[in-house]
C-alpha atoms as a PDB file:
ATOM      1  CA  MET A   1      78.236 100.391 107.311  1.00  0.00           C
ATOM      2  CA  PRO A   2      79.394  97.079 107.575  1.00  0.00           C
ATOM      3  CA  ALA A   3      81.506  95.636 105.051  1.00  0.00           C
ATOM      4  CA  ASN A   4      79.146  92.736 104.111  1.00  0.00           C
ATOM      5  CA  VAL A   5      76.161  94.885 103.203  1.00  0.00           C
ATOM      6  CA  ALA A   6      74.681  94.078  99.957  1.00  0.00           C
ATOM      7  CA  ALA A   7      75.115  96.646  96.939  1.00  0.00           C
ATOM      8  CA  HIS A   8      71.413  97.304  96.571  1.00  0.00           C
ATOM      9  CA  HIS A   9      71.081  98.236 100.204  1.00  0.00           C
ATOM     10  CA  ILE A  10      73.543 101.040  99.533  1.00  0.00           C
ATOM     11  CA  ILE A  11      72.242 102.298  96.105  1.00  0.00           C
ATOM     12  CA  LYS A  12      68.521 103.034  97.009  1.00  0.00           C
ATOM     13  CA  ARG A  13      67.582 104.357  93.554  1.00  0.00           C
ATOM     14  CA  PRO A  14      68.601 106.635  90.639  1.00  0.00           C
ATOM     15  CA  LEU A  15      67.718 110.214  90.653  1.00  0.00           C
ATOM     16  CA  VAL A  16      66.129 111.581  87.411  1.00  0.00           C
ATOM     17  CA  THR A  17      65.826 115.202  87.486  1.00  0.00           C
ATOM     18  CA  GLU A  18      66.184 117.729  84.582  1.00  0.00           C
ATOM     19  CA  LYS A  19      69.694 118.892  85.891  1.00  0.00           C
ATOM     20  CA  GLY A  20      70.741 115.064  86.347  1.00  0.00           C
ATOM     21  CA  THR A  21      69.516 114.253  82.972  1.00  0.00           C
ATOM     22  CA  PHE A  22      71.698 116.932  81.304  1.00  0.00           C
ATOM     23  CA  ALA A  23      74.690 115.562  83.371  1.00  0.00           C
ATOM     24  CA  MET A  24      74.098 112.143  82.187  1.00  0.00           C
ATOM     25  CA  ASN A  25      73.812 113.180  78.491  1.00  0.00           C
ATOM     26  CA  GLU A  26      76.758 115.691  78.423  1.00  0.00           C
ATOM     27  CA  LEU A  27      79.124 115.105  81.078  1.00  0.00           C
ATOM     28  CA  GLY A  28      78.713 111.309  82.120  1.00  0.00           C
ATOM     29  CA  LYS A  29      77.597 111.834  85.628  1.00  0.00           C
ATOM     30  CA  TYR A  30      74.660 109.852  87.168  1.00  0.00           C
ATOM     31  CA  SER A  31      72.895 110.743  90.164  1.00  0.00           C
ATOM     32  CA  PHE A  32      71.694 108.324  93.021  1.00  0.00           C
ATOM     33  CA  LEU A  33      69.805 108.285  96.248  1.00  0.00           C
ATOM     34  CA  VAL A  34      72.191 106.508  98.721  1.00  0.00           C
ATOM     35  CA  ASP A  35      72.125 105.362 102.251  1.00  0.00           C
ATOM     36  CA  VAL A  36      73.121 108.025 104.644  1.00  0.00           C
ATOM     37  CA  ARG A  37      75.924 106.105 106.131  1.00  0.00           C
ATOM     38  CA  ALA A  38      77.537 104.824 102.805  1.00  0.00           C
ATOM     39  CA  THR A  39      80.977 105.848 102.156  1.00  0.00           C
ATOM     40  CA  LYS A  40      82.349 106.986  98.759  1.00  0.00           C
ATOM     41  CA  THR A  41      84.485 103.809  98.266  1.00  0.00           C
ATOM     42  CA  GLU A  42      81.211 101.770  99.281  1.00  0.00           C
ATOM     43  CA  ILE A  43      79.144 103.663  96.785  1.00  0.00           C
ATOM     44  CA  LYS A  44      81.672 103.359  94.329  1.00  0.00           C
ATOM     45  CA  ASN A  45      82.045  99.464  94.655  1.00  0.00           C
ATOM     46  CA  ALA A  46      78.134  99.123  94.637  1.00  0.00           C
ATOM     47  CA  VAL A  47      77.595 100.956  91.431  1.00  0.00           C
ATOM     48  CA  GLN A  48      80.299  98.984  89.779  1.00  0.00           C
ATOM     49  CA  GLU A  49      78.576  95.776  90.995  1.00  0.00           C
ATOM     50  CA  ILE A  50      75.227  96.622  89.980  1.00  0.00           C
ATOM     51  CA  TYR A  51      75.722  98.223  86.543  1.00  0.00           C
ATOM     52  CA  LYS A  52      78.959  96.726  85.511  1.00  0.00           C
ATOM     53  CA  VAL A  53      80.691 100.073  84.855  1.00  0.00           C
ATOM     54  CA  GLN A  54      83.865 101.658  85.671  1.00  0.00           C
ATOM     55  CA  VAL A  55      83.504 104.502  88.241  1.00  0.00           C
ATOM     56  CA  VAL A  56      86.137 107.336  87.864  1.00  0.00           C
ATOM     57  CA  GLY A  57      84.848 109.450  90.854  1.00  0.00           C
ATOM     58  CA  VAL A  58      82.233 109.961  93.471  1.00  0.00           C
ATOM     59  CA  ASN A  59      80.725 113.190  94.899  1.00  0.00           C
ATOM     60  CA  THR A  60      78.250 113.152  97.634  1.00  0.00           C
ATOM     61  CA  VAL A  61      75.706 115.619  99.100  1.00  0.00           C
ATOM     62  CA  THR A  62      74.166 115.264 102.351  1.00  0.00           C
ATOM     63  CA  SER A  63      70.984 117.189 102.941  1.00  0.00           C
ATOM     64  CA  LYS A  64      69.563 117.512 106.569  1.00  0.00           C
ATOM     65  CA  GLY A  65      65.822 116.922 106.687  1.00  0.00           C
ATOM     66  CA  LYS A  66      63.767 120.070 107.293  1.00  0.00           C
ATOM     67  CA  PHE A  67      61.205 120.862 109.919  1.00  0.00           C
ATOM     68  CA  ARG A  68      57.669 120.725 108.730  1.00  0.00           C
ATOM     69  CA  ALA A  69      54.722 122.017 110.598  1.00  0.00           C
ATOM     70  CA  THR A  70      51.502 119.653 110.635  1.00  0.00           C
ATOM     71  CA  LYS A  71      48.327 120.073 112.538  1.00  0.00           C
ATOM     72  CA  PHE A  72      49.425 117.675 114.932  1.00  0.00           C
ATOM     73  CA  GLY A  73      52.933 119.520 115.894  1.00  0.00           C
ATOM     74  CA  VAL A  74      56.349 119.665 114.087  1.00  0.00           C
ATOM     75  CA  ARG A  75      57.988 116.766 112.518  1.00  0.00           C
ATOM     76  CA  GLN A  76      61.429 116.503 110.777  1.00  0.00           C
ATOM     77  CA  GLU A  77      61.825 115.071 107.327  1.00  0.00           C
ATOM     78  CA  PRO A  78      64.493 112.284 107.063  1.00  0.00           C
ATOM     79  CA  THR A  79      68.077 113.299 106.162  1.00  0.00           C
ATOM     80  CA  THR A  80      69.122 112.205 102.618  1.00  0.00           C
ATOM     81  CA  LYS A  81      72.292 111.543 100.716  1.00  0.00           C
ATOM     82  CA  ARG A  82      72.961 111.932  96.878  1.00  0.00           C
ATOM     83  CA  ALA A  83      75.951 110.528  95.172  1.00  0.00           C
ATOM     84  CA  ILE A  84      77.101 111.755  91.740  1.00  0.00           C
ATOM     85  CA  VAL A  85      78.919 109.214  90.087  1.00  0.00           C
ATOM     86  CA  SER A  86      81.542 109.962  87.148  1.00  0.00           C
ATOM     87  CA  LEU A  87      82.013 107.162  84.805  1.00  0.00           C
ATOM     88  CA  LYS A  88      85.014 106.103  82.646  1.00  0.00           C
ATOM     89  CA  GLU A  89      84.861 107.919  79.214  1.00  0.00           C
ATOM     90  CA  GLY A  90      82.568 105.966  76.750  1.00  0.00           C
ATOM     91  CA  GLN A  91      80.672 104.118  79.238  1.00  0.00           C
ATOM     92  CA  SER A  92      76.897 104.585  80.258  1.00  0.00           C
ATOM     93  CA  ILE A  93      74.123 103.265  82.222  1.00  0.00           C
ATOM     94  CA  GLU A  94      70.722 102.568  80.734  1.00  0.00           C
ATOM     95  CA  LEU A  95      68.183 104.033  83.347  1.00  0.00           C
ATOM     96  CA  PHE A  96      64.983 103.906  81.060  1.00  0.00           C
END
């Protein structure tokens, strides 16, 4: 992605799931849906800019879109990318 992309274009939204909520409370890790083209460094800088926290590490998972049958034929769902962000000890993000 270009270097001058705004942080809110990289981080699309936080992911709140049962597994993610456990990781938030117990491990200090937060999940976000991010742009597919974003790198780990860009994700780290965007989270630090938006939430004013210090990021220790970023892990990413890219899921290729599945093919779904519809009555009009076959379509492919979009490819998505999740980022699991580890924060510095003692820091947290208020999502709700």
